[in-house]
Amino acid sequence: MTFLYLNSDRMGDGDPELGKKLMKSFLHELAKSDVSIDVVGCVNSGVNLTVEGSTVLDSLKILQDRGARIASCGTCLDHYDIRDKLSLGEVGSMDMTVGIMAQADKIIRPN
């Protein structure tokens, strides 16, 4: 199983706007590729990728349509007060994240 772990809405530690552009480009290229993703887990600011207004919803939707399960941390959605804006996937939990990480053959973490 391949787990895409998104713990931020951007890639890298430099300029935040550049980081968001890089994440958008990464997810776009991943969606175009033949890479098989089984689960996408979004935690911390990574949950911003799955809510209304996200610029990467189309790329994530492609991954979902190809069979990826997408889960956004419920605690994180509540912290940012955006649970009601979730547009893609399901609300996940930390025990779900731990279980998936323990079973994953490969974990991709782009940041």
PDB file of N, CA and C in Angstrom:
ATOM      1  N   MET A   1       0.840  -1.178   0.000  1.00  0.00           N
ATOM      2  CA  MET A   1       0.000   0.000   0.000  1.00  0.00           C
ATOM      3  C   MET A   1       0.889   1.247   0.000  1.00  0.00           C
ATOM      4  N   THR A   2       0.521   2.232  -0.803  1.00  0.00           N
ATOM      5  CA  THR A   2       1.241   3.500  -0.863  1.00  0.00           C
ATOM      6  C   THR A   2       0.391   4.584  -0.215  1.00  0.00           C
ATOM      7  N   PHE A   3       0.994   5.257   0.744  1.00  0.00           N
ATOM      8  CA  PHE A   3       0.326   6.287   1.540  1.00  0.00           C
ATOM      9  C   PHE A   3       0.954   7.637   1.225  1.00  0.00           C
ATOM     10  N   LEU A   4       0.144   8.568   0.736  1.00  0.00           N
ATOM     11  CA  LEU A   4       0.584   9.943   0.506  1.00  0.00           C
ATOM     12  C   LEU A   4       0.217  10.747   1.746  1.00  0.00           C
ATOM     13  N   TYR A   5       1.228  11.176   2.480  1.00  0.00           N
ATOM     14  CA  TYR A   5       1.048  11.866   3.761  1.00  0.00           C
ATOM     15  C   TYR A   5       1.292  13.356   3.551  1.00  0.00           C
ATOM     16  N   LEU A   6       0.226  14.138   3.649  1.00  0.00           N
ATOM     17  CA  LEU A   6       0.296  15.582   3.427  1.00  0.00           C
ATOM     18  C   LEU A   6       0.085  16.298   4.756  1.00  0.00           C
ATOM     19  N   ASN A   7       1.177  16.713   5.382  1.00  0.00           N
ATOM     20  CA  ASN A   7       1.071  17.363   6.681  1.00  0.00           C
ATOM     21  C   ASN A   7       1.199  18.884   6.573  1.00  0.00           C
ATOM     22  N   SER A   8       1.064  19.390   5.366  1.00  0.00           N
ATOM     23  CA  SER A   8       1.109  20.825   5.134  1.00  0.00           C
ATOM     24  C   SER A   8       0.398  21.126   3.817  1.00  0.00           C
ATOM     25  N   ASP A   9      -0.034  22.353   3.659  1.00  0.00           N
ATOM     26  CA  ASP A   9      -0.635  22.758   2.386  1.00  0.00           C
ATOM     27  C   ASP A   9       0.410  23.343   1.443  1.00  0.00           C
ATOM     28  N   ARG A  10       1.674  23.220   1.834  1.00  0.00           N
ATOM     29  CA  ARG A  10       2.759  23.703   0.975  1.00  0.00           C
ATOM     30  C   ARG A  10       3.950  22.762   1.057  1.00  0.00           C
ATOM     31  N   MET A  11       4.853  22.937   0.122  1.00  0.00           N
ATOM     32  CA  MET A  11       6.050  22.112   0.021  1.00  0.00           C
ATOM     33  C   MET A  11       7.254  22.959   0.391  1.00  0.00           C
ATOM     34  N   GLY A  12       8.044  22.484   1.325  1.00  0.00           N
ATOM     35  CA  GLY A  12       9.258  23.190   1.703  1.00  0.00           C
ATOM     36  C   GLY A  12       9.048  24.201   2.817  1.00  0.00           C
ATOM     37  N   ASP A  13      10.161  24.764   3.280  1.00  0.00           N
ATOM     38  CA  ASP A  13      10.136  25.672   4.422  1.00  0.00           C
ATOM     39  C   ASP A  13      10.377  27.129   4.070  1.00  0.00           C
ATOM     40  N   GLY A  14      10.589  27.432   2.819  1.00  0.00           N
ATOM     41  CA  GLY A  14      10.883  28.806   2.419  1.00  0.00           C
ATOM     42  C   GLY A  14       9.626  29.664   2.319  1.00  0.00           C
ATOM     43  N   ASP A  15       9.573  30.448   1.304  1.00  0.00           N
ATOM     44  CA  ASP A  15       8.460  31.360   1.064  1.00  0.00           C
ATOM     45  C   ASP A  15       7.130  30.592   1.004  1.00  0.00           C
ATOM     46  N   PRO A  16       6.138  31.000   1.814  1.00  0.00           N
ATOM     47  CA  PRO A  16       4.858  30.276   1.848  1.00  0.00           C
ATOM     48  C   PRO A  16       4.137  30.230   0.495  1.00  0.00           C
ATOM     49  N   GLU A  17       4.145  31.313  -0.251  1.00  0.00           N
ATOM     50  CA  GLU A  17       3.462  31.320  -1.552  1.00  0.00           C
ATOM     51  C   GLU A  17       4.150  30.379  -2.540  1.00  0.00           C
ATOM     52  N   LEU A  18       5.467  30.362  -2.530  1.00  0.00           N
ATOM     53  CA  LEU A  18       6.206  29.427  -3.373  1.00  0.00           C
ATOM     54  C   LEU A  18       5.883  28.002  -2.952  1.00  0.00           C
ATOM     55  N   GLY A  19       5.825  27.758  -1.659  1.00  0.00           N
ATOM     56  CA  GLY A  19       5.496  26.428  -1.157  1.00  0.00           C
ATOM     57  C   GLY A  19       4.138  25.946  -1.626  1.00  0.00           C
ATOM     58  N   LYS A  20       3.157  26.838  -1.675  1.00  0.00           N
ATOM     59  CA  LYS A  20       1.816  26.466  -2.155  1.00  0.00           C
ATOM     60  C   LYS A  20       1.842  26.161  -3.644  1.00  0.00           C
ATOM     61  N   LYS A  21       2.616  26.936  -4.405  1.00  0.00           N
ATOM     62  CA  LYS A  21       2.753  26.675  -5.847  1.00  0.00           C
ATOM     63  C   LYS A  21       3.412  25.319  -6.076  1.00  0.00           C
ATOM     64  N   LEU A  22       4.437  25.027  -5.285  1.00  0.00           N
ATOM     65  CA  LEU A  22       5.129  23.745  -5.430  1.00  0.00           C
ATOM     66  C   LEU A  22       4.209  22.571  -5.104  1.00  0.00           C
ATOM     67  N   MET A  23       3.405  22.700  -4.048  1.00  0.00           N
ATOM     68  CA  MET A  23       2.472  21.621  -3.687  1.00  0.00           C
ATOM     69  C   MET A  23       1.443  21.423  -4.799  1.00  0.00           C
ATOM     70  N   LYS A  24       0.932  22.516  -5.338  1.00  0.00           N
ATOM     71  CA  LYS A  24      -0.039  22.424  -6.429  1.00  0.00           C
ATOM     72  C   LYS A  24       0.585  21.702  -7.627  1.00  0.00           C
ATOM     73  N   SER A  25       1.808  22.076  -7.969  1.00  0.00           N
ATOM     74  CA  SER A  25       2.498  21.450  -9.088  1.00  0.00           C
ATOM     75  C   SER A  25       2.768  19.966  -8.813  1.00  0.00           C
ATOM     76  N   PHE A  26       3.205  19.653  -7.597  1.00  0.00           N
ATOM     77  CA  PHE A  26       3.464  18.261  -7.223  1.00  0.00           C
ATOM     78  C   PHE A  26       2.212  17.406  -7.382  1.00  0.00           C
ATOM     79  N   LEU A  27       1.091  17.868  -6.834  1.00  0.00           N
ATOM     80  CA  LEU A  27      -0.142  17.080  -6.900  1.00  0.00           C
ATOM     81  C   LEU A  27      -0.660  16.973  -8.333  1.00  0.00           C
ATOM     82  N   HIS A  28      -0.489  18.029  -9.117  1.00  0.00           N
ATOM     83  CA  HIS A  28      -0.888  17.996 -10.520  1.00  0.00           C
ATOM     84  C   HIS A  28      -0.088  16.929 -11.272  1.00  0.00           C
ATOM     85  N   GLU A  29       1.229  16.937 -11.083  1.00  0.00           N
ATOM     86  CA  GLU A  29       2.085  15.968 -11.760  1.00  0.00           C
ATOM     87  C   GLU A  29       1.821  14.538 -11.267  1.00  0.00           C
ATOM     88  N   LEU A  30       1.575  14.394  -9.975  1.00  0.00           N
ATOM     89  CA  LEU A  30       1.244  13.083  -9.425  1.00  0.00           C
ATOM     90  C   LEU A  30      -0.048  12.551 -10.041  1.00  0.00           C
ATOM     91  N   ALA A  31      -1.042  13.417 -10.171  1.00  0.00           N
ATOM     92  CA  ALA A  31      -2.323  13.011 -10.756  1.00  0.00           C
ATOM     93  C   ALA A  31      -2.165  12.604 -12.220  1.00  0.00           C
ATOM     94  N   LYS A  32      -1.234  13.207 -12.939  1.00  0.00           N
ATOM     95  CA  LYS A  32      -0.979  12.870 -14.348  1.00  0.00           C
ATOM     96  C   LYS A  32      -0.152  11.602 -14.499  1.00  0.00           C
ATOM     97  N   SER A  33       0.527  11.211 -13.453  1.00  0.00           N
ATOM     98  CA  SER A  33       1.474  10.094 -13.531  1.00  0.00           C
ATOM     99  C   SER A  33       0.780   8.744 -13.401  1.00  0.00           C
ATOM    100  N   ASP A  34       1.576   7.699 -13.536  1.00  0.00           N
ATOM    101  CA  ASP A  34       1.089   6.332 -13.345  1.00  0.00           C
ATOM    102  C   ASP A  34       1.303   5.845 -11.916  1.00  0.00           C
ATOM    103  N   VAL A  35       1.756   6.726 -11.035  1.00  0.00           N
ATOM    104  CA  VAL A  35       2.008   6.340  -9.641  1.00  0.00           C
ATOM    105  C   VAL A  35       0.679   5.993  -8.985  1.00  0.00           C
ATOM    106  N   SER A  36       0.636   4.843  -8.355  1.00  0.00           N
ATOM    107  CA  SER A  36      -0.574   4.383  -7.683  1.00  0.00           C
ATOM    108  C   SER A  36      -0.544   4.818  -6.213  1.00  0.00           C
ATOM    109  N   ILE A  37      -1.561   5.551  -5.810  1.00  0.00           N
ATOM    110  CA  ILE A  37      -1.709   5.999  -4.427  1.00  0.00           C
ATOM    111  C   ILE A  37      -2.949   5.317  -3.858  1.00  0.00           C
ATOM    112  N   ASP A  38      -2.780   4.656  -2.712  1.00  0.00           N
ATOM    113  CA  ASP A  38      -3.911   3.966  -2.092  1.00  0.00           C
ATOM    114  C   ASP A  38      -4.655   4.843  -1.094  1.00  0.00           C
ATOM    115  N   VAL A  39      -3.893   5.618  -0.331  1.00  0.00           N
ATOM    116  CA  VAL A  39      -4.502   6.480   0.694  1.00  0.00           C
ATOM    117  C   VAL A  39      -3.793   7.822   0.692  1.00  0.00           C
ATOM    118  N   VAL A  40      -4.581   8.894   0.796  1.00  0.00           N
ATOM    119  CA  VAL A  40      -4.052  10.238   0.996  1.00  0.00           C
ATOM    120  C   VAL A  40      -4.504  10.669   2.383  1.00  0.00           C
ATOM    121  N   GLY A  41      -3.562  10.978   3.245  1.00  0.00           N
ATOM    122  CA  GLY A  41      -3.871  11.430   4.598  1.00  0.00           C
ATOM    123  C   GLY A  41      -3.441  12.870   4.767  1.00  0.00           C
ATOM    124  N   CYS A  42      -4.372  13.732   5.148  1.00  0.00           N
ATOM    125  CA  CYS A  42      -4.096  15.159   5.311  1.00  0.00           C
ATOM    126  C   CYS A  42      -4.204  15.526   6.785  1.00  0.00           C
ATOM    127  N   VAL A  43      -3.125  16.080   7.329  1.00  0.00           N
ATOM    128  CA  VAL A  43      -3.095  16.516   8.720  1.00  0.00           C
ATOM    129  C   VAL A  43      -2.558  17.939   8.794  1.00  0.00           C
ATOM    130  N   ASN A  44      -2.732  18.554   9.959  1.00  0.00           N
ATOM    131  CA  ASN A  44      -2.325  19.931  10.204  1.00  0.00           C
ATOM    132  C   ASN A  44      -2.840  20.804   9.065  1.00  0.00           C
ATOM    133  N   SER A  45      -2.025  21.722   8.522  1.00  0.00           N
ATOM    134  CA  SER A  45      -2.535  22.604   7.465  1.00  0.00           C
ATOM    135  C   SER A  45      -2.775  21.861   6.157  1.00  0.00           C
ATOM    136  N   GLY A  46      -2.373  20.589   6.080  1.00  0.00           N
ATOM    137  CA  GLY A  46      -2.676  19.787   4.901  1.00  0.00           C
ATOM    138  C   GLY A  46      -4.163  19.624   4.668  1.00  0.00           C
ATOM    139  N   VAL A  47      -4.971  19.781   5.715  1.00  0.00           N
ATOM    140  CA  VAL A  47      -6.422  19.673   5.536  1.00  0.00           C
ATOM    141  C   VAL A  47      -6.965  20.797   4.650  1.00  0.00           C
ATOM    142  N   ASN A  48      -6.230  21.892   4.538  1.00  0.00           N
ATOM    143  CA  ASN A  48      -6.669  22.984   3.660  1.00  0.00           C
ATOM    144  C   ASN A  48      -6.717  22.559   2.196  1.00  0.00           C
ATOM    145  N   LEU A  49      -6.053  21.473   1.869  1.00  0.00           N
ATOM    146  CA  LEU A  49      -6.032  20.982   0.497  1.00  0.00           C
ATOM    147  C   LEU A  49      -7.351  20.332   0.094  1.00  0.00           C
ATOM    148  N   THR A  50      -8.150  19.916   1.064  1.00  0.00           N
ATOM    149  CA  THR A  50      -9.380  19.160   0.772  1.00  0.00           C
ATOM    150  C   THR A  50     -10.661  19.940   1.011  1.00  0.00           C
ATOM    151  N   VAL A  51     -10.548  21.242   1.237  1.00  0.00           N
ATOM    152  CA  VAL A  51     -11.732  22.050   1.546  1.00  0.00           C
ATOM    153  C   VAL A  51     -12.081  23.003   0.406  1.00  0.00           C
ATOM    154  N   GLU A  52     -13.288  23.564   0.482  1.00  0.00           N
ATOM    155  CA  GLU A  52     -13.750  24.547  -0.499  1.00  0.00           C
ATOM    156  C   GLU A  52     -12.668  25.580  -0.778  1.00  0.00           C
ATOM    157  N   GLY A  53     -12.497  25.904  -2.046  1.00  0.00           N
ATOM    158  CA  GLY A  53     -11.545  26.931  -2.432  1.00  0.00           C
ATOM    159  C   GLY A  53     -10.125  26.438  -2.653  1.00  0.00           C
ATOM    160  N   SER A  54      -9.848  25.186  -2.328  1.00  0.00           N
ATOM    161  CA  SER A  54      -8.504  24.647  -2.536  1.00  0.00           C
ATOM    162  C   SER A  54      -8.188  24.600  -4.033  1.00  0.00           C
ATOM    163  N   THR A  55      -6.979  24.978  -4.378  1.00  0.00           N
ATOM    164  CA  THR A  55      -6.574  24.973  -5.784  1.00  0.00           C
ATOM    165  C   THR A  55      -6.132  23.591  -6.263  1.00  0.00           C
ATOM    166  N   VAL A  56      -6.147  22.600  -5.380  1.00  0.00           N
ATOM    167  CA  VAL A  56      -5.694  21.261  -5.764  1.00  0.00           C
ATOM    168  C   VAL A  56      -6.818  20.219  -5.740  1.00  0.00           C
ATOM    169  N   LEU A  57      -8.055  20.654  -5.572  1.00  0.00           N
ATOM    170  CA  LEU A  57      -9.162  19.700  -5.511  1.00  0.00           C
ATOM    171  C   LEU A  57      -9.241  18.835  -6.766  1.00  0.00           C
ATOM    172  N   ASP A  58      -8.998  19.425  -7.931  1.00  0.00           N
ATOM    173  CA  ASP A  58      -9.069  18.650  -9.173  1.00  0.00           C
ATOM    174  C   ASP A  58      -8.046  17.516  -9.182  1.00  0.00           C
ATOM    175  N   SER A  59      -6.825  17.812  -8.753  1.00  0.00           N
ATOM    176  CA  SER A  59      -5.785  16.778  -8.723  1.00  0.00           C
ATOM    177  C   SER A  59      -6.128  15.686  -7.718  1.00  0.00           C
ATOM    178  N   LEU A  60      -6.599  16.081  -6.539  1.00  0.00           N
ATOM    179  CA  LEU A  60      -6.984  15.091  -5.532  1.00  0.00           C
ATOM    180  C   LEU A  60      -8.175  14.260  -5.995  1.00  0.00           C
ATOM    181  N   LYS A  61      -9.090  14.878  -6.728  1.00  0.00           N
ATOM    182  CA  LYS A  61     -10.258  14.165  -7.241  1.00  0.00           C
ATOM    183  C   LYS A  61      -9.824  13.095  -8.240  1.00  0.00           C
ATOM    184  N   ILE A  62      -8.819  13.404  -9.042  1.00  0.00           N
ATOM    185  CA  ILE A  62      -8.299  12.412  -9.986  1.00  0.00           C
ATOM    186  C   ILE A  62      -7.738  11.212  -9.219  1.00  0.00           C
ATOM    187  N   LEU A  63      -6.964  11.491  -8.167  1.00  0.00           N
ATOM    188  CA  LEU A  63      -6.417  10.393  -7.355  1.00  0.00           C
ATOM    189  C   LEU A  63      -7.545   9.570  -6.735  1.00  0.00           C
ATOM    190  N   GLN A  64      -8.571  10.256  -6.239  1.00  0.00           N
ATOM    191  CA  GLN A  64      -9.719   9.562  -5.644  1.00  0.00           C
ATOM    192  C   GLN A  64     -10.435   8.716  -6.697  1.00  0.00           C
ATOM    193  N   ASP A  65     -10.628   9.266  -7.879  1.00  0.00           N
ATOM    194  CA  ASP A  65     -11.298   8.524  -8.948  1.00  0.00           C
ATOM    195  C   ASP A  65     -10.504   7.297  -9.374  1.00  0.00           C
ATOM    196  N   ARG A  66      -9.191   7.329  -9.170  1.00  0.00           N
ATOM    197  CA  ARG A  66      -8.342   6.176  -9.482  1.00  0.00           C
ATOM    198  C   ARG A  66      -8.267   5.196  -8.319  1.00  0.00           C
ATOM    199  N   GLY A  67      -9.021   5.452  -7.256  1.00  0.00           N
ATOM    200  CA  GLY A  67      -9.108   4.486  -6.165  1.00  0.00           C
ATOM    201  C   GLY A  67      -8.494   4.893  -4.848  1.00  0.00           C
ATOM    202  N   ALA A  68      -7.886   6.070  -4.776  1.00  0.00           N
ATOM    203  CA  ALA A  68      -7.278   6.502  -3.514  1.00  0.00           C
ATOM    204  C   ALA A  68      -8.365   6.905  -2.509  1.00  0.00           C
ATOM    205  N   ARG A  69      -8.172   6.472  -1.311  1.00  0.00           N
ATOM    206  CA  ARG A  69      -9.015   6.905  -0.191  1.00  0.00           C
ATOM    207  C   ARG A  69      -8.395   8.186   0.357  1.00  0.00           C
ATOM    208  N   ILE A  70      -9.202   9.225   0.536  1.00  0.00           N
ATOM    209  CA  ILE A  70      -8.693  10.505   1.028  1.00  0.00           C
ATOM    210  C   ILE A  70      -9.322  10.794   2.380  1.00  0.00           C
ATOM    211  N   ALA A  71      -8.461  11.044   3.368  1.00  0.00           N
ATOM    212  CA  ALA A  71      -8.939  11.312   4.726  1.00  0.00           C
ATOM    213  C   ALA A  71      -8.251  12.557   5.278  1.00  0.00           C
ATOM    214  N   SER A  72      -9.061  13.442   5.846  1.00  0.00           N
ATOM    215  CA  SER A  72      -8.548  14.662   6.486  1.00  0.00           C
ATOM    216  C   SER A  72      -8.779  14.564   7.984  1.00  0.00           C
ATOM    217  N   CYS A  73      -7.763  14.885   8.752  1.00  0.00           N
ATOM    218  CA  CYS A  73      -7.792  14.810  10.213  1.00  0.00           C
ATOM    219  C   CYS A  73      -8.939  15.635  10.792  1.00  0.00           C
ATOM    220  N   GLY A  74      -9.817  14.984  11.542  1.00  0.00           N
ATOM    221  CA  GLY A  74     -10.947  15.676  12.161  1.00  0.00           C
ATOM    222  C   GLY A  74     -10.517  16.714  13.179  1.00  0.00           C
ATOM    223  N   THR A  75      -9.530  16.399  13.996  1.00  0.00           N
ATOM    224  CA  THR A  75      -9.018  17.352  14.985  1.00  0.00           C
ATOM    225  C   THR A  75      -8.485  18.593  14.282  1.00  0.00           C
ATOM    226  N   CYS A  76      -7.799  18.388  13.169  1.00  0.00           N
ATOM    227  CA  CYS A  76      -7.220  19.502  12.408  1.00  0.00           C
ATOM    228  C   CYS A  76      -8.315  20.346  11.756  1.00  0.00           C
ATOM    229  N   LEU A  77      -9.315  19.693  11.159  1.00  0.00           N
ATOM    230  CA  LEU A  77     -10.429  20.432  10.569  1.00  0.00           C
ATOM    231  C   LEU A  77     -11.118  21.294  11.627  1.00  0.00           C
ATOM    232  N   ASP A  78     -11.291  20.729  12.819  1.00  0.00           N
ATOM    233  CA  ASP A  78     -11.919  21.480  13.904  1.00  0.00           C
ATOM    234  C   ASP A  78     -11.029  22.623  14.380  1.00  0.00           C
ATOM    235  N   HIS A  79      -9.736  22.385  14.475  1.00  0.00           N
ATOM    236  CA  HIS A  79      -8.805  23.421  14.914  1.00  0.00           C
ATOM    237  C   HIS A  79      -8.874  24.641  13.993  1.00  0.00           C
ATOM    238  N   TYR A  80      -8.923  24.391  12.688  1.00  0.00           N
ATOM    239  CA  TYR A  80      -8.994  25.478  11.711  1.00  0.00           C
ATOM    240  C   TYR A  80     -10.434  25.923  11.447  1.00  0.00           C
ATOM    241  N   ASP A  81     -11.401  25.287  12.126  1.00  0.00           N
ATOM    242  CA  ASP A  81     -12.825  25.602  11.996  1.00  0.00           C
ATOM    243  C   ASP A  81     -13.299  25.512  10.542  1.00  0.00           C
ATOM    244  N   ILE A  82     -12.920  24.406   9.878  1.00  0.00           N
ATOM    245  CA  ILE A  82     -13.279  24.228   8.468  1.00  0.00           C
ATOM    246  C   ILE A  82     -13.925  22.864   8.178  1.00  0.00           C
ATOM    247  N   ARG A  83     -14.347  22.167   9.212  1.00  0.00           N
ATOM    248  CA  ARG A  83     -14.951  20.847   8.993  1.00  0.00           C
ATOM    249  C   ARG A  83     -16.130  20.927   8.031  1.00  0.00           C
ATOM    250  N   ASP A  84     -16.909  21.988   8.144  1.00  0.00           N
ATOM    251  CA  ASP A  84     -18.089  22.136   7.287  1.00  0.00           C
ATOM    252  C   ASP A  84     -17.727  22.492   5.842  1.00  0.00           C
ATOM    253  N   LYS A  85     -16.457  22.752   5.577  1.00  0.00           N
ATOM    254  CA  LYS A  85     -16.016  23.103   4.222  1.00  0.00           C
ATOM    255  C   LYS A  85     -15.331  21.939   3.508  1.00  0.00           C
ATOM    256  N   LEU A  86     -15.284  20.789   4.162  1.00  0.00           N
ATOM    257  CA  LEU A  86     -14.652  19.620   3.549  1.00  0.00           C
ATOM    258  C   LEU A  86     -15.354  19.307   2.227  1.00  0.00           C
ATOM    259  N   SER A  87     -14.592  19.252   1.145  1.00  0.00           N
ATOM    260  CA  SER A  87     -15.157  19.055  -0.189  1.00  0.00           C
ATOM    261  C   SER A  87     -14.824  17.711  -0.808  1.00  0.00           C
ATOM    262  N   LEU A  88     -13.875  17.003  -0.225  1.00  0.00           N
ATOM    263  CA  LEU A  88     -13.401  15.780  -0.838  1.00  0.00           C
ATOM    264  C   LEU A  88     -12.957  14.807   0.238  1.00  0.00           C
ATOM    265  N   GLY A  89     -13.331  13.561   0.079  1.00  0.00           N
ATOM    266  CA  GLY A  89     -12.873  12.542   1.007  1.00  0.00           C
ATOM    267  C   GLY A  89     -13.699  12.474   2.277  1.00  0.00           C
ATOM    268  N   GLU A  90     -13.064  11.952   3.312  1.00  0.00           N
ATOM    269  CA  GLU A  90     -13.746  11.699   4.579  1.00  0.00           C
ATOM    270  C   GLU A  90     -12.977  12.323   5.737  1.00  0.00           C
ATOM    271  N   VAL A  91     -13.649  12.396   6.869  1.00  0.00           N
ATOM    272  CA  VAL A  91     -12.996  12.861   8.093  1.00  0.00           C
ATOM    273  C   VAL A  91     -12.289  11.663   8.709  1.00  0.00           C
ATOM    274  N   GLY A  92     -10.996  11.827   8.957  1.00  0.00           N
ATOM    275  CA  GLY A  92     -10.200  10.754   9.530  1.00  0.00           C
ATOM    276  C   GLY A  92      -9.842  11.030  10.974  1.00  0.00           C
ATOM    277  N   SER A  93      -9.035  10.143  11.526  1.00  0.00           N
ATOM    278  CA  SER A  93      -8.613  10.265  12.923  1.00  0.00           C
ATOM    279  C   SER A  93      -7.152   9.850  13.048  1.00  0.00           C
ATOM    280  N   MET A  94      -6.564  10.157  14.183  1.00  0.00           N
ATOM    281  CA  MET A  94      -5.163   9.811  14.388  1.00  0.00           C
ATOM    282  C   MET A  94      -4.961   8.300  14.457  1.00  0.00           C
ATOM    283  N   ASP A  95      -5.913   7.572  15.050  1.00  0.00           N
ATOM    284  CA  ASP A  95      -5.743   6.119  15.076  1.00  0.00           C
ATOM    285  C   ASP A  95      -5.793   5.535  13.668  1.00  0.00           C
ATOM    286  N   MET A  96      -6.576   6.154  12.776  1.00  0.00           N
ATOM    287  CA  MET A  96      -6.606   5.742  11.378  1.00  0.00           C
ATOM    288  C   MET A  96      -5.234   5.994  10.733  1.00  0.00           C
ATOM    289  N   THR A  97      -4.667   7.177  10.996  1.00  0.00           N
ATOM    290  CA  THR A  97      -3.355   7.530  10.438  1.00  0.00           C
ATOM    291  C   THR A  97      -2.283   6.566  10.905  1.00  0.00           C
ATOM    292  N   VAL A  98      -2.283   6.267  12.197  1.00  0.00           N
ATOM    293  CA  VAL A  98      -1.289   5.332  12.750  1.00  0.00           C
ATOM    294  C   VAL A  98      -1.439   3.957  12.098  1.00  0.00           C
ATOM    295  N   GLY A  99      -2.663   3.482  11.983  1.00  0.00           N
ATOM    296  CA  GLY A  99      -2.905   2.170  11.385  1.00  0.00           C
ATOM    297  C   GLY A  99      -2.462   2.096   9.940  1.00  0.00           C
ATOM    298  N   ILE A 100      -2.750   3.155   9.171  1.00  0.00           N
ATOM    299  CA  ILE A 100      -2.367   3.172   7.762  1.00  0.00           C
ATOM    300  C   ILE A 100      -0.849   3.241   7.629  1.00  0.00           C
ATOM    301  N   MET A 101      -0.206   4.085   8.446  1.00  0.00           N
ATOM    302  CA  MET A 101       1.258   4.181   8.389  1.00  0.00           C
ATOM    303  C   MET A 101       1.914   2.843   8.727  1.00  0.00           C
ATOM    304  N   ALA A 102       1.357   2.146   9.689  1.00  0.00           N
ATOM    305  CA  ALA A 102       1.920   0.862  10.104  1.00  0.00           C
ATOM    306  C   ALA A 102       1.789  -0.194   9.012  1.00  0.00           C
ATOM    307  N   GLN A 103       0.756  -0.086   8.184  1.00  0.00           N
ATOM    308  CA  GLN A 103       0.523  -1.071   7.128  1.00  0.00           C
ATOM    309  C   GLN A 103       1.155  -0.694   5.795  1.00  0.00           C
ATOM    310  N   ALA A 104       1.537   0.554   5.629  1.00  0.00           N
ATOM    311  CA  ALA A 104       2.016   1.040   4.340  1.00  0.00           C
ATOM    312  C   ALA A 104       3.366   0.430   3.966  1.00  0.00           C
ATOM    313  N   ASP A 105       3.473   0.066   2.701  1.00  0.00           N
ATOM    314  CA  ASP A 105       4.748  -0.388   2.150  1.00  0.00           C
ATOM    315  C   ASP A 105       5.623   0.816   1.798  1.00  0.00           C
ATOM    316  N   LYS A 106       4.954   1.900   1.426  1.00  0.00           N
ATOM    317  CA  LYS A 106       5.660   3.111   1.027  1.00  0.00           C
ATOM    318  C   LYS A 106       4.873   4.317   1.527  1.00  0.00           C
ATOM    319  N   ILE A 107       5.593   5.284   2.098  1.00  0.00           N
ATOM    320  CA  ILE A 107       4.990   6.548   2.532  1.00  0.00           C
ATOM    321  C   ILE A 107       5.658   7.667   1.735  1.00  0.00           C
ATOM    322  N   ILE A 108       4.854   8.436   1.018  1.00  0.00           N
ATOM    323  CA  ILE A 108       5.355   9.588   0.276  1.00  0.00           C
ATOM    324  C   ILE A 108       4.982  10.832   1.075  1.00  0.00           C
ATOM    325  N   ARG A 109       5.997  11.634   1.384  1.00  0.00           N
ATOM    326  CA  ARG A 109       5.790  12.867   2.148  1.00  0.00           C
ATOM    327  C   ARG A 109       6.511  13.989   1.412  1.00  0.00           C
ATOM    328  N   PRO A 110       5.776  14.803   0.641  1.00  0.00           N
ATOM    329  CA  PRO A 110       6.432  15.767  -0.227  1.00  0.00           C
ATOM    330  C   PRO A 110       6.917  17.058   0.434  1.00  0.00           C
ATOM    331  N   ASN A 111       6.870  17.178   1.740  1.00  0.00           N
ATOM    332  CA  ASN A 111       7.323  18.452   2.309  1.00  0.00           C
ATOM    333  C   ASN A 111       8.445  18.282   3.223  1.00  0.00           C
TER     334      ASN A 111
END
